[in-house]
Amino acid sequence: MRTIAQKYIDEGMQQGIIQGMEKGIEQGIEQGIEQGIEQGIEQGIEQGIEQGIEQGIEQGIEQGIEQGMEKGMEKGMEKGKTERNLEIAKKMLAHNMDATLIAHITGLDISFIRTLKQRL
């Protein structure tokens, strides 16, 4: 038969085991939560960076296309104006108009108009 002391020792050991298990479970849960939060933050940051890069590239492409179109249109319009002024200058030269007047009206350089007059 067990002694009263042995009985208390056994009960104490059982209570210690139970308390140890409870404490271990609590610590495991805390560590799991901490690790989960850390991993979640890391994944969130990585995904945020990836999305930011993708959006930045998309916006950059859109802005580049828009700016390219604007510049292309400006150059095209300028070229069209120059060609139109050249046509007008040729017609005016064909009617023997003064080179200075033609330069003033078309905005073309007078030396260019004189060279053009010699070609016609």
PDB file of N, CA and C in Angstrom:
ATOM      1  N   MET A   1       0.820  -1.170   0.000  1.00  0.00           N
ATOM      2  CA  MET A   1       0.000   0.000   0.000  1.00  0.00           C
ATOM      3  C   MET A   1       0.876   1.251   0.000  1.00  0.00           C
ATOM      4  N   ARG A   2       0.341   2.257  -0.678  1.00  0.00           N
ATOM      5  CA  ARG A   2       1.117   3.488  -0.792  1.00  0.00           C
ATOM      6  C   ARG A   2       0.960   4.329   0.458  1.00  0.00           C
ATOM      7  N   THR A   3       1.983   5.072   0.671  1.00  0.00           N
ATOM      8  CA  THR A   3       1.915   5.972   1.821  1.00  0.00           C
ATOM      9  C   THR A   3       1.256   7.265   1.381  1.00  0.00           C
ATOM     10  N   ILE A   4       0.814   8.022   2.371  1.00  0.00           N
ATOM     11  CA  ILE A   4       0.163   9.305   2.076  1.00  0.00           C
ATOM     12  C   ILE A   4       1.150  10.209   1.326  1.00  0.00           C
ATOM     13  N   ALA A   5       2.398  10.173   1.715  1.00  0.00           N
ATOM     14  CA  ALA A   5       3.413  10.998   1.067  1.00  0.00           C
ATOM     15  C   ALA A   5       3.551  10.625  -0.406  1.00  0.00           C
ATOM     16  N   GLN A   6       3.569   9.313  -0.667  1.00  0.00           N
ATOM     17  CA  GLN A   6       3.697   8.840  -2.049  1.00  0.00           C
ATOM     18  C   GLN A   6       2.492   9.282  -2.872  1.00  0.00           C
ATOM     19  N   LYS A   7       1.297   9.253  -2.244  1.00  0.00           N
ATOM     20  CA  LYS A   7       0.078   9.659  -2.907  1.00  0.00           C
ATOM     21  C   LYS A   7       0.177  11.129  -3.307  1.00  0.00           C
ATOM     22  N   TYR A   8       0.635  11.973  -2.374  1.00  0.00           N
ATOM     23  CA  TYR A   8       0.780  13.399  -2.677  1.00  0.00           C
ATOM     24  C   TYR A   8       1.850  13.621  -3.757  1.00  0.00           C
ATOM     25  N   ILE A   9       2.878  12.862  -3.726  1.00  0.00           N
ATOM     26  CA  ILE A   9       3.945  12.975  -4.736  1.00  0.00           C
ATOM     27  C   ILE A   9       3.385  12.638  -6.106  1.00  0.00           C
ATOM     28  N   ASP A  10       2.626  11.536  -6.178  1.00  0.00           N
ATOM     29  CA  ASP A  10       2.022  11.130  -7.459  1.00  0.00           C
ATOM     30  C   ASP A  10       1.051  12.194  -7.976  1.00  0.00           C
ATOM     31  N   GLU A  11       0.209  12.719  -7.083  1.00  0.00           N
ATOM     32  CA  GLU A  11      -0.744  13.753  -7.478  1.00  0.00           C
ATOM     33  C   GLU A  11       0.000  15.015  -7.936  1.00  0.00           C
ATOM     34  N   GLY A  12       1.063  15.354  -7.219  1.00  0.00           N
ATOM     35  CA  GLY A  12       1.871  16.529  -7.586  1.00  0.00           C
ATOM     36  C   GLY A  12       2.501  16.361  -8.959  1.00  0.00           C
ATOM     37  N   MET A  13       2.981  15.127  -9.223  1.00  0.00           N
ATOM     38  CA  MET A  13       3.583  14.854 -10.523  1.00  0.00           C
ATOM     39  C   MET A  13       2.535  14.964 -11.629  1.00  0.00           C
ATOM     40  N   GLN A  14       1.348  14.417 -11.388  1.00  0.00           N
ATOM     41  CA  GLN A  14       0.280  14.487 -12.375  1.00  0.00           C
ATOM     42  C   GLN A  14      -0.101  15.953 -12.638  1.00  0.00           C
ATOM     43  N   GLN A  15      -0.241  16.734 -11.569  1.00  0.00           N
ATOM     44  CA  GLN A  15      -0.576  18.147 -11.731  1.00  0.00           C
ATOM     45  C   GLN A  15       0.544  18.894 -12.476  1.00  0.00           C
ATOM     46  N   GLY A  16       1.781  18.545 -12.174  1.00  0.00           N
ATOM     47  CA  GLY A  16       2.932  19.166 -12.860  1.00  0.00           C
ATOM     48  C   GLY A  16       2.924  18.836 -14.347  1.00  0.00           C
ATOM     49  N   ILE A  17       2.614  17.569 -14.654  1.00  0.00           N
ATOM     50  CA  ILE A  17       2.548  17.141 -16.053  1.00  0.00           C
ATOM     51  C   ILE A  17       1.437  17.917 -16.775  1.00  0.00           C
ATOM     52  N   ILE A  18       0.273  18.011 -16.156  1.00  0.00           N
ATOM     53  CA  ILE A  18      -0.859  18.722 -16.759  1.00  0.00           C
ATOM     54  C   ILE A  18      -0.505  20.208 -16.955  1.00  0.00           C
ATOM     55  N   GLN A  19       0.062  20.822 -15.934  1.00  0.00           N
ATOM     56  CA  GLN A  19       0.440  22.235 -16.040  1.00  0.00           C
ATOM     57  C   GLN A  19       1.512  22.441 -17.123  1.00  0.00           C
ATOM     58  N   GLY A  20       2.451  21.514 -17.180  1.00  0.00           N
ATOM     59  CA  GLY A  20       3.510  21.597 -18.198  1.00  0.00           C
ATOM     60  C   GLY A  20       2.925  21.490 -19.603  1.00  0.00           C
ATOM     61  N   MET A  21       1.966  20.560 -19.759  1.00  0.00           N
ATOM     62  CA  MET A  21       1.328  20.397 -21.059  1.00  0.00           C
ATOM     63  C   MET A  21       0.547  21.663 -21.437  1.00  0.00           C
ATOM     64  N   GLU A  22      -0.199  22.217 -20.489  1.00  0.00           N
ATOM     65  CA  GLU A  22      -0.976  23.434 -20.753  1.00  0.00           C
ATOM     66  C   GLU A  22      -0.058  24.588 -21.137  1.00  0.00           C
ATOM     67  N   LYS A  23       1.038  24.721 -20.377  1.00  0.00           N
ATOM     68  CA  LYS A  23       1.999  25.791 -20.663  1.00  0.00           C
ATOM     69  C   LYS A  23       2.647  25.573 -22.027  1.00  0.00           C
ATOM     70  N   GLY A  24       2.968  24.338 -22.346  1.00  0.00           N
ATOM     71  CA  GLY A  24       3.559  24.018 -23.647  1.00  0.00           C
ATOM     72  C   GLY A  24       2.596  24.335 -24.793  1.00  0.00           C
ATOM     73  N   ILE A  25       1.328  24.005 -24.580  1.00  0.00           N
ATOM     74  CA  ILE A  25       0.320  24.308 -25.607  1.00  0.00           C
ATOM     75  C   ILE A  25       0.200  25.822 -25.794  1.00  0.00           C
ATOM     76  N   GLU A  26       0.142  26.565 -24.700  1.00  0.00           N
ATOM     77  CA  GLU A  26       0.053  28.029 -24.776  1.00  0.00           C
ATOM     78  C   GLU A  26       1.248  28.612 -25.526  1.00  0.00           C
ATOM     79  N   GLN A  27       2.439  28.157 -25.182  1.00  0.00           N
ATOM     80  CA  GLN A  27       3.642  28.657 -25.844  1.00  0.00           C
ATOM     81  C   GLN A  27       3.649  28.276 -27.325  1.00  0.00           C
ATOM     82  N   GLY A  28       3.208  27.069 -27.619  1.00  0.00           N
ATOM     83  CA  GLY A  28       3.137  26.632 -29.018  1.00  0.00           C
ATOM     84  C   GLY A  28       2.172  27.490 -29.822  1.00  0.00           C
ATOM     85  N   ILE A  29       1.031  27.789 -29.210  1.00  0.00           N
ATOM     86  CA  ILE A  29       0.039  28.649 -29.887  1.00  0.00           C
ATOM     87  C   ILE A  29       0.622  30.039 -30.117  1.00  0.00           C
ATOM     88  N   GLU A  30       1.270  30.605 -29.093  1.00  0.00           N
ATOM     89  CA  GLU A  30       1.868  31.940 -29.217  1.00  0.00           C
ATOM     90  C   GLU A  30       2.932  31.966 -30.312  1.00  0.00           C
ATOM     91  N   GLN A  31       3.783  30.958 -30.304  1.00  0.00           N
ATOM     92  CA  GLN A  31       4.834  30.904 -31.324  1.00  0.00           C
ATOM     93  C   GLN A  31       4.229  30.732 -32.718  1.00  0.00           C
ATOM     94  N   GLY A  32       3.217  29.908 -32.820  1.00  0.00           N
ATOM     95  CA  GLY A  32       2.544  29.711 -34.109  1.00  0.00           C
ATOM     96  C   GLY A  32       1.926  30.999 -34.621  1.00  0.00           C
ATOM     97  N   ILE A  33       1.281  31.731 -33.720  1.00  0.00           N
ATOM     98  CA  ILE A  33       0.670  33.013 -34.110  1.00  0.00           C
ATOM     99  C   ILE A  33       1.747  33.989 -34.570  1.00  0.00           C
ATOM    100  N   GLU A  34       2.844  34.090 -33.793  1.00  0.00           N
ATOM    101  CA  GLU A  34       3.928  35.005 -34.147  1.00  0.00           C
ATOM    102  C   GLU A  34       4.520  34.651 -35.509  1.00  0.00           C
ATOM    103  N   GLN A  35       4.776  33.369 -35.716  1.00  0.00           N
ATOM    104  CA  GLN A  35       5.339  32.943 -36.996  1.00  0.00           C
ATOM    105  C   GLN A  35       4.355  33.195 -38.136  1.00  0.00           C
ATOM    106  N   GLY A  36       3.097  32.928 -37.882  1.00  0.00           N
ATOM    107  CA  GLY A  36       2.075  33.183 -38.903  1.00  0.00           C
ATOM    108  C   GLY A  36       1.995  34.649 -39.266  1.00  0.00           C
ATOM    109  N   ILE A  37       2.054  35.513 -38.259  1.00  0.00           N
ATOM    110  CA  ILE A  37       2.015  36.958 -38.509  1.00  0.00           C
ATOM    111  C   ILE A  37       3.242  37.387 -39.308  1.00  0.00           C
ATOM    112  N   GLU A  38       4.420  36.914 -38.897  1.00  0.00           N
ATOM    113  CA  GLU A  38       5.658  37.263 -39.605  1.00  0.00           C
ATOM    114  C   GLU A  38       5.596  36.818 -41.060  1.00  0.00           C
ATOM    115  N   GLN A  39       5.174  35.592 -41.281  1.00  0.00           N
ATOM    116  CA  GLN A  39       5.085  35.083 -42.651  1.00  0.00           C
ATOM    117  C   GLN A  39       4.038  35.857 -43.453  1.00  0.00           C
ATOM    118  N   GLY A  40       2.940  36.166 -42.806  1.00  0.00           N
ATOM    119  CA  GLY A  40       1.892  36.939 -43.485  1.00  0.00           C
ATOM    120  C   GLY A  40       2.381  38.315 -43.882  1.00  0.00           C
ATOM    121  N   ILE A  41       3.120  38.959 -42.979  1.00  0.00           N
ATOM    122  CA  ILE A  41       3.664  40.289 -43.282  1.00  0.00           C
ATOM    123  C   ILE A  41       4.655  40.198 -44.432  1.00  0.00           C
ATOM    124  N   GLU A  42       5.558  39.214 -44.379  1.00  0.00           N
ATOM    125  CA  GLU A  42       6.548  39.044 -45.438  1.00  0.00           C
ATOM    126  C   GLU A  42       5.870  38.804 -46.786  1.00  0.00           C
ATOM    127  N   GLN A  43       4.875  37.921 -46.796  1.00  0.00           N
ATOM    128  CA  GLN A  43       4.167  37.635 -48.047  1.00  0.00           C
ATOM    129  C   GLN A  43       3.410  38.865 -48.533  1.00  0.00           C
ATOM    130  N   GLY A  44       2.817  39.597 -47.599  1.00  0.00           N
ATOM    131  CA  GLY A  44       2.092  40.822 -47.960  1.00  0.00           C
ATOM    132  C   GLY A  44       3.016  41.858 -48.575  1.00  0.00           C
ATOM    133  N   ILE A  45       4.195  42.007 -47.991  1.00  0.00           N
ATOM    134  CA  ILE A  45       5.170  42.963 -48.520  1.00  0.00           C
ATOM    135  C   ILE A  45       5.608  42.542 -49.920  1.00  0.00           C
ATOM    136  N   GLU A  46       5.923  41.263 -50.085  1.00  0.00           N
ATOM    137  CA  GLU A  46       6.354  40.760 -51.395  1.00  0.00           C
ATOM    138  C   GLU A  46       5.269  40.974 -52.445  1.00  0.00           C
ATOM    139  N   GLN A  47       4.035  40.643 -52.096  1.00  0.00           N
ATOM    140  CA  GLN A  47       2.935  40.819 -53.042  1.00  0.00           C
ATOM    141  C   GLN A  47       2.705  42.298 -53.340  1.00  0.00           C
ATOM    142  N   GLY A  48       2.826  43.131 -52.315  1.00  0.00           N
ATOM    143  CA  GLY A  48       2.670  44.574 -52.508  1.00  0.00           C
ATOM    144  C   GLY A  48       3.726  45.130 -53.449  1.00  0.00           C
ATOM    145  N   ILE A  49       4.954  44.681 -53.274  1.00  0.00           N
ATOM    146  CA  ILE A  49       6.045  45.135 -54.145  1.00  0.00           C
ATOM    147  C   ILE A  49       5.786  44.684 -55.578  1.00  0.00           C
ATOM    148  N   GLU A  50       5.421  43.426 -55.748  1.00  0.00           N
ATOM    149  CA  GLU A  50       5.134  42.897 -57.092  1.00  0.00           C
ATOM    150  C   GLU A  50       4.011  43.677 -57.762  1.00  0.00           C
ATOM    151  N   GLN A  51       2.935  43.913 -57.021  1.00  0.00           N
ATOM    152  CA  GLN A  51       1.812  44.662 -57.590  1.00  0.00           C
ATOM    153  C   GLN A  51       2.218  46.095 -57.907  1.00  0.00           C
ATOM    154  N   GLY A  52       3.008  46.694 -57.033  1.00  0.00           N
ATOM    155  CA  GLY A  52       3.480  48.054 -57.267  1.00  0.00           C
ATOM    156  C   GLY A  52       4.333  48.147 -58.526  1.00  0.00           C
ATOM    157  N   ILE A  53       5.209  47.173 -58.714  1.00  0.00           N
ATOM    158  CA  ILE A  53       6.061  47.149 -59.910  1.00  0.00           C
ATOM    159  C   ILE A  53       5.191  46.993 -61.150  1.00  0.00           C
ATOM    160  N   GLU A  54       4.250  46.056 -61.113  1.00  0.00           N
ATOM    161  CA  GLU A  54       3.369  45.826 -62.270  1.00  0.00           C
ATOM    162  C   GLU A  54       2.577  47.086 -62.609  1.00  0.00           C
ATOM    163  N   GLN A  55       2.013  47.721 -61.595  1.00  0.00           N
ATOM    164  CA  GLN A  55       1.226  48.933 -61.836  1.00  0.00           C
ATOM    165  C   GLN A  55       2.116  50.058 -62.352  1.00  0.00           C
ATOM    166  N   GLY A  56       3.317  50.161 -61.805  1.00  0.00           N
ATOM    167  CA  GLY A  56       4.257  51.183 -62.269  1.00  0.00           C
ATOM    168  C   GLY A  56       4.626  50.994 -63.722  1.00  0.00           C
ATOM    169  N   ILE A  57       4.872  49.751 -64.109  1.00  0.00           N
ATOM    170  CA  ILE A  57       5.203  49.448 -65.511  1.00  0.00           C
ATOM    171  C   ILE A  57       4.022  49.793 -66.409  1.00  0.00           C
ATOM    172  N   GLU A  58       2.826  49.381 -66.012  1.00  0.00           N
ATOM    173  CA  GLU A  58       1.634  49.664 -66.814  1.00  0.00           C
ATOM    174  C   GLU A  58       1.442  51.174 -66.985  1.00  0.00           C
ATOM    175  N   GLN A  59       1.557  51.912 -65.894  1.00  0.00           N
ATOM    176  CA  GLN A  59       1.389  53.364 -65.972  1.00  0.00           C
ATOM    177  C   GLN A  59       2.487  53.996 -66.822  1.00  0.00           C
ATOM    178  N   GLY A  60       3.702  53.491 -66.675  1.00  0.00           N
ATOM    179  CA  GLY A  60       4.810  54.014 -67.475  1.00  0.00           C
ATOM    180  C   GLY A  60       4.585  53.786 -68.957  1.00  0.00           C
ATOM    181  N   ILE A  61       4.104  52.613 -69.310  1.00  0.00           N
ATOM    182  CA  ILE A  61       3.813  52.305 -70.712  1.00  0.00           C
ATOM    183  C   ILE A  61       2.716  53.220 -71.232  1.00  0.00           C
ATOM    184  N   GLU A  62       1.643  53.364 -70.461  1.00  0.00           N
ATOM    185  CA  GLU A  62       0.534  54.225 -70.877  1.00  0.00           C
ATOM    186  C   GLU A  62       1.000  55.667 -71.071  1.00  0.00           C
ATOM    187  N   GLN A  63       1.770  56.176 -70.118  1.00  0.00           N
ATOM    188  CA  GLN A  63       2.260  57.553 -70.225  1.00  0.00           C
ATOM    189  C   GLN A  63       3.219  57.700 -71.395  1.00  0.00           C
ATOM    190  N   GLY A  64       4.056  56.696 -71.597  1.00  0.00           N
ATOM    191  CA  GLY A  64       4.997  56.734 -72.718  1.00  0.00           C
ATOM    192  C   GLY A  64       4.267  56.763 -74.051  1.00  0.00           C
ATOM    193  N   ILE A  65       3.242  55.938 -74.181  1.00  0.00           N
ATOM    194  CA  ILE A  65       2.461  55.925 -75.418  1.00  0.00           C
ATOM    195  C   ILE A  65       1.781  57.271 -75.626  1.00  0.00           C
ATOM    196  N   GLU A  66       1.180  57.783 -74.569  1.00  0.00           N
ATOM    197  CA  GLU A  66       0.481  59.072 -74.650  1.00  0.00           C
ATOM    198  C   GLU A  66       1.442  60.191 -75.054  1.00  0.00           C
ATOM    199  N   GLN A  67       2.595  60.250 -74.405  1.00  0.00           N
ATOM    200  CA  GLN A  67       3.569  61.287 -74.727  1.00  0.00           C
ATOM    201  C   GLN A  67       4.114  61.109 -76.138  1.00  0.00           C
ATOM    202  N   GLY A  68       4.344  59.865 -76.526  1.00  0.00           N
ATOM    203  CA  GLY A  68       4.827  59.591 -77.881  1.00  0.00           C
ATOM    204  C   GLY A  68       3.822  60.033 -78.931  1.00  0.00           C
ATOM    205  N   MET A  69       2.555  59.774 -78.672  1.00  0.00           N
ATOM    206  CA  MET A  69       1.519  60.189 -79.609  1.00  0.00           C
ATOM    207  C   MET A  69       1.450  61.709 -79.697  1.00  0.00           C
ATOM    208  N   GLU A  70       1.523  62.376 -78.554  1.00  0.00           N
ATOM    209  CA  GLU A  70       1.488  63.841 -78.546  1.00  0.00           C
ATOM    210  C   GLU A  70       2.655  64.418 -79.340  1.00  0.00           C
ATOM    211  N   LYS A  71       3.859  63.913 -79.087  1.00  0.00           N
ATOM    212  CA  LYS A  71       5.034  64.414 -79.800  1.00  0.00           C
ATOM    213  C   LYS A  71       4.937  64.098 -81.289  1.00  0.00           C
ATOM    214  N   GLY A  72       4.462  62.910 -81.604  1.00  0.00           N
ATOM    215  CA  GLY A  72       4.298  62.535 -83.005  1.00  0.00           C
ATOM    216  C   GLY A  72       3.305  63.445 -83.716  1.00  0.00           C
ATOM    217  N   MET A  73       2.224  63.749 -83.047  1.00  0.00           N
ATOM    218  CA  MET A  73       1.227  64.637 -83.628  1.00  0.00           C
ATOM    219  C   MET A  73       1.806  66.042 -83.815  1.00  0.00           C
ATOM    220  N   GLU A  74       2.542  66.525 -82.821  1.00  0.00           N
ATOM    221  CA  GLU A  74       3.160  67.847 -82.930  1.00  0.00           C
ATOM    222  C   GLU A  74       4.118  67.901 -84.114  1.00  0.00           C
ATOM    223  N   LYS A  75       4.975  66.878 -84.227  1.00  0.00           N
ATOM    224  CA  LYS A  75       5.931  66.847 -85.335  1.00  0.00           C
ATOM    225  C   LYS A  75       5.210  66.746 -86.672  1.00  0.00           C
ATOM    226  N   GLY A  76       4.173  65.918 -86.705  1.00  0.00           N
ATOM    227  CA  GLY A  76       3.405  65.768 -87.940  1.00  0.00           C
ATOM    228  C   GLY A  76       2.731  67.066 -88.349  1.00  0.00           C
ATOM    229  N   MET A  77       2.165  67.760 -87.378  1.00  0.00           N
ATOM    230  CA  MET A  77       1.512  69.035 -87.671  1.00  0.00           C
ATOM    231  C   MET A  77       2.536  70.062 -88.134  1.00  0.00           C
ATOM    232  N   GLU A  78       3.679  70.090 -87.490  1.00  0.00           N
ATOM    233  CA  GLU A  78       4.741  71.028 -87.878  1.00  0.00           C
ATOM    234  C   GLU A  78       5.221  70.732 -89.299  1.00  0.00           C
ATOM    235  N   LYS A  79       5.400  69.460 -89.594  1.00  0.00           N
ATOM    236  CA  LYS A  79       5.830  69.068 -90.943  1.00  0.00           C
ATOM    237  C   LYS A  79       4.771  69.454 -91.968  1.00  0.00           C
ATOM    238  N   GLY A  80       3.509  69.231 -91.612  1.00  0.00           N
ATOM    239  CA  GLY A  80       2.412  69.601 -92.511  1.00  0.00           C
ATOM    240  C   GLY A  80       2.377  71.097 -92.770  1.00  0.00           C
ATOM    241  N   LYS A  81       2.587  71.890 -91.716  1.00  0.00           N
ATOM    242  CA  LYS A  81       2.618  73.351 -91.880  1.00  0.00           C
ATOM    243  C   LYS A  81       3.756  73.762 -92.810  1.00  0.00           C
ATOM    244  N   THR A  82       4.926  73.167 -92.590  1.00  0.00           N
ATOM    245  CA  THR A  82       6.086  73.502 -93.420  1.00  0.00           C
ATOM    246  C   THR A  82       5.823  73.148 -94.875  1.00  0.00           C
ATOM    247  N   GLU A  83       5.269  71.952 -95.102  1.00  0.00           N
ATOM    248  CA  GLU A  83       4.964  71.537 -96.473  1.00  0.00           C
ATOM    249  C   GLU A  83       3.928  72.462 -97.111  1.00  0.00           C
ATOM    250  N   ARG A  84       2.909  72.838 -96.325  1.00  0.00           N
ATOM    251  CA  ARG A  84       1.877  73.733 -96.840  1.00  0.00           C
ATOM    252  C   ARG A  84       2.474  75.106 -97.158  1.00  0.00           C
ATOM    253  N   ASN A  85       3.332  75.629 -96.276  1.00  0.00           N
ATOM    254  CA  ASN A  85       3.984  76.905 -96.535  1.00  0.00           C
ATOM    255  C   ASN A  85       4.868  76.838 -97.779  1.00  0.00           C
ATOM    256  N   LEU A  86       5.505  75.703 -98.000  1.00  0.00           N
ATOM    257  CA  LEU A  86       6.326  75.511 -99.189  1.00  0.00           C
ATOM    258  C   LEU A  86       5.459  75.540-100.451  1.00  0.00           C
ATOM    259  N   GLU A  87       4.313  74.875-100.391  1.00  0.00           N
ATOM    260  CA  GLU A  87       3.387  74.888-101.533  1.00  0.00           C
ATOM    261  C   GLU A  87       2.918  76.317-101.831  1.00  0.00           C
ATOM    262  N   ILE A  88       2.575  77.035-100.776  1.00  0.00           N
ATOM    263  CA  ILE A  88       2.119  78.421-100.943  1.00  0.00           C
ATOM    264  C   ILE A  88       3.237  79.273-101.544  1.00  0.00           C
ATOM    265  N   ALA A  89       4.450  79.095-101.040  1.00  0.00           N
ATOM    266  CA  ALA A  89       5.588  79.865-101.558  1.00  0.00           C
ATOM    267  C   ALA A  89       5.809  79.558-103.035  1.00  0.00           C
ATOM    268  N   LYS A  90       5.710  78.315-103.424  1.00  0.00           N
ATOM    269  CA  LYS A  90       5.888  77.945-104.833  1.00  0.00           C
ATOM    270  C   LYS A  90       4.826  78.613-105.710  1.00  0.00           C
ATOM    271  N   LYS A  91       3.587  78.608-105.243  1.00  0.00           N
ATOM    272  CA  LYS A  91       2.505  79.225-106.010  1.00  0.00           C
ATOM    273  C   LYS A  91       2.719  80.742-106.116  1.00  0.00           C
ATOM    274  N   MET A  92       3.171  81.348-105.038  1.00  0.00           N
ATOM    275  CA  MET A  92       3.408  82.785-105.048  1.00  0.00           C
ATOM    276  C   MET A  92       4.573  83.127-105.969  1.00  0.00           C
ATOM    277  N   LEU A  93       5.617  82.301-105.948  1.00  0.00           N
ATOM    278  CA  LEU A  93       6.753  82.512-106.857  1.00  0.00           C
ATOM    279  C   LEU A  93       6.315  82.352-108.306  1.00  0.00           C
ATOM    280  N   ALA A  94       5.419  81.410-108.546  1.00  0.00           N
ATOM    281  CA  ALA A  94       4.911  81.194-109.903  1.00  0.00           C
ATOM    282  C   ALA A  94       4.165  82.428-110.409  1.00  0.00           C
ATOM    283  N   HIS A  95       3.645  83.223-109.491  1.00  0.00           N
ATOM    284  CA  HIS A  95       2.940  84.460-109.856  1.00  0.00           C
ATOM    285  C   HIS A  95       3.854  85.684-109.731  1.00  0.00           C
ATOM    286  N   ASN A  96       5.164  85.415-109.668  1.00  0.00           N
ATOM    287  CA  ASN A  96       6.200  86.462-109.632  1.00  0.00           C
ATOM    288  C   ASN A  96       6.033  87.433-108.463  1.00  0.00           C
ATOM    289  N   MET A  97       5.648  86.910-107.297  1.00  0.00           N
ATOM    290  CA  MET A  97       5.529  87.764-106.115  1.00  0.00           C
ATOM    291  C   MET A  97       6.908  87.957-105.489  1.00  0.00           C
ATOM    292  N   ASP A  98       7.069  89.009-104.739  1.00  0.00           N
ATOM    293  CA  ASP A  98       8.332  89.383-104.111  1.00  0.00           C
ATOM    294  C   ASP A  98       8.734  88.351-103.044  1.00  0.00           C
ATOM    295  N   ALA A  99      10.020  87.964-103.041  1.00  0.00           N
ATOM    296  CA  ALA A  99      10.539  86.957-102.098  1.00  0.00           C
ATOM    297  C   ALA A  99      10.393  87.422-100.649  1.00  0.00           C
ATOM    298  N   THR A 100      10.577  88.712-100.399  1.00  0.00           N
ATOM    299  CA  THR A 100      10.447  89.243 -99.041  1.00  0.00           C
ATOM    300  C   THR A 100       9.013  89.113 -98.542  1.00  0.00           C
ATOM    301  N   LEU A 101       8.065  89.415 -99.400  1.00  0.00           N
ATOM    302  CA  LEU A 101       6.654  89.283 -99.046  1.00  0.00           C
ATOM    303  C   LEU A 101       6.300  87.823 -98.794  1.00  0.00           C
ATOM    304  N   ILE A 102       6.796  86.929 -99.640  1.00  0.00           N
ATOM    305  CA  ILE A 102       6.546  85.489 -99.479  1.00  0.00           C
ATOM    306  C   ILE A 102       7.107  85.006 -98.138  1.00  0.00           C
ATOM    307  N   ALA A 103       8.324  85.449 -97.802  1.00  0.00           N
ATOM    308  CA  ALA A 103       8.953  85.062 -96.534  1.00  0.00           C
ATOM    309  C   ALA A 103       8.123  85.558 -95.362  1.00  0.00           C
ATOM    310  N   HIS A 104       7.629  86.755 -95.461  1.00  0.00           N
ATOM    311  CA  HIS A 104       6.811  87.333 -94.390  1.00  0.00           C
ATOM    312  C   HIS A 104       5.505  86.561 -94.213  1.00  0.00           C
ATOM    313  N   ILE A 105       4.868  86.213 -95.297  1.00  0.00           N
ATOM    314  CA  ILE A 105       3.575  85.524 -95.237  1.00  0.00           C
ATOM    315  C   ILE A 105       3.726  84.072 -94.802  1.00  0.00           C
ATOM    316  N   THR A 106       4.714  83.360 -95.341  1.00  0.00           N
ATOM    317  CA  THR A 106       4.850  81.921 -95.064  1.00  0.00           C
ATOM    318  C   THR A 106       5.682  81.612 -93.836  1.00  0.00           C
ATOM    319  N   GLY A 107       6.538  82.561 -93.429  1.00  0.00           N
ATOM    320  CA  GLY A 107       7.425  82.305 -92.299  1.00  0.00           C
ATOM    321  C   GLY A 107       8.670  81.540 -92.705  1.00  0.00           C
ATOM    322  N   LEU A 108       8.825  81.289 -93.997  1.00  0.00           N
ATOM    323  CA  LEU A 108      10.020  80.611 -94.499  1.00  0.00           C
ATOM    324  C   LEU A 108      11.167  81.610 -94.592  1.00  0.00           C
ATOM    325  N   ASP A 109      12.391  81.133 -94.535  1.00  0.00           N
ATOM    326  CA  ASP A 109      13.577  81.977 -94.606  1.00  0.00           C
ATOM    327  C   ASP A 109      13.706  82.550 -96.018  1.00  0.00           C
ATOM    328  N   ILE A 110      14.051  83.831 -96.108  1.00  0.00           N
ATOM    329  CA  ILE A 110      14.132  84.498 -97.415  1.00  0.00           C
ATOM    330  C   ILE A 110      15.188  83.867 -98.308  1.00  0.00           C
ATOM    331  N   SER A 111      16.307  83.433 -97.726  1.00  0.00           N
ATOM    332  CA  SER A 111      17.349  82.790 -98.550  1.00  0.00           C
ATOM    333  C   SER A 111      16.837  81.466 -99.117  1.00  0.00           C
ATOM    334  N   PHE A 112      16.017  80.759 -98.350  1.00  0.00           N
ATOM    335  CA  PHE A 112      15.424  79.519 -98.855  1.00  0.00           C
ATOM    336  C   PHE A 112      14.475  79.827-100.020  1.00  0.00           C
ATOM    337  N   ILE A 113      13.704  80.897 -99.885  1.00  0.00           N
ATOM    338  CA  ILE A 113      12.761  81.261-100.946  1.00  0.00           C
ATOM    339  C   ILE A 113      13.521  81.657-102.205  1.00  0.00           C
ATOM    340  N   ARG A 114      14.604  82.380-102.058  1.00  0.00           N
ATOM    341  CA  ARG A 114      15.416  82.750-103.237  1.00  0.00           C
ATOM    342  C   ARG A 114      15.996  81.517-103.902  1.00  0.00           C
ATOM    343  N   THR A 115      16.452  80.540-103.087  1.00  0.00           N
ATOM    344  CA  THR A 115      16.978  79.294-103.645  1.00  0.00           C
ATOM    345  C   THR A 115      15.862  78.554-104.369  1.00  0.00           C
ATOM    346  N   LEU A 116      14.701  78.539-103.769  1.00  0.00           N
ATOM    347  CA  LEU A 116      13.539  77.882-104.365  1.00  0.00           C
ATOM    348  C   LEU A 116      13.174  78.553-105.690  1.00  0.00           C
ATOM    349  N   LYS A 117      13.270  79.883-105.743  1.00  0.00           N
ATOM    350  CA  LYS A 117      12.942  80.651-106.960  1.00  0.00           C
ATOM    351  C   LYS A 117      13.877  80.264-108.093  1.00  0.00           C
ATOM    352  N   GLN A 118      15.160  80.027-107.761  1.00  0.00           N
ATOM    353  CA  GLN A 118      16.140  79.664-108.771  1.00  0.00           C
ATOM    354  C   GLN A 118      15.864  78.275-109.347  1.00  0.00           C
ATOM    355  N   ARG A 119      15.303  77.392-108.532  1.00  0.00           N
ATOM    356  CA  ARG A 119      15.006  76.019-108.980  1.00  0.00           C
ATOM    357  C   ARG A 119      13.823  75.983-109.938  1.00  0.00           C
ATOM    358  N   LEU A 120      12.896  76.894-109.736  1.00  0.00           N
ATOM    359  CA  LEU A 120      11.684  76.876-110.550  1.00  0.00           C
ATOM    360  C   LEU A 120      11.943  77.422-111.888  1.00  0.00           C
TER     361      LEU A 120
END
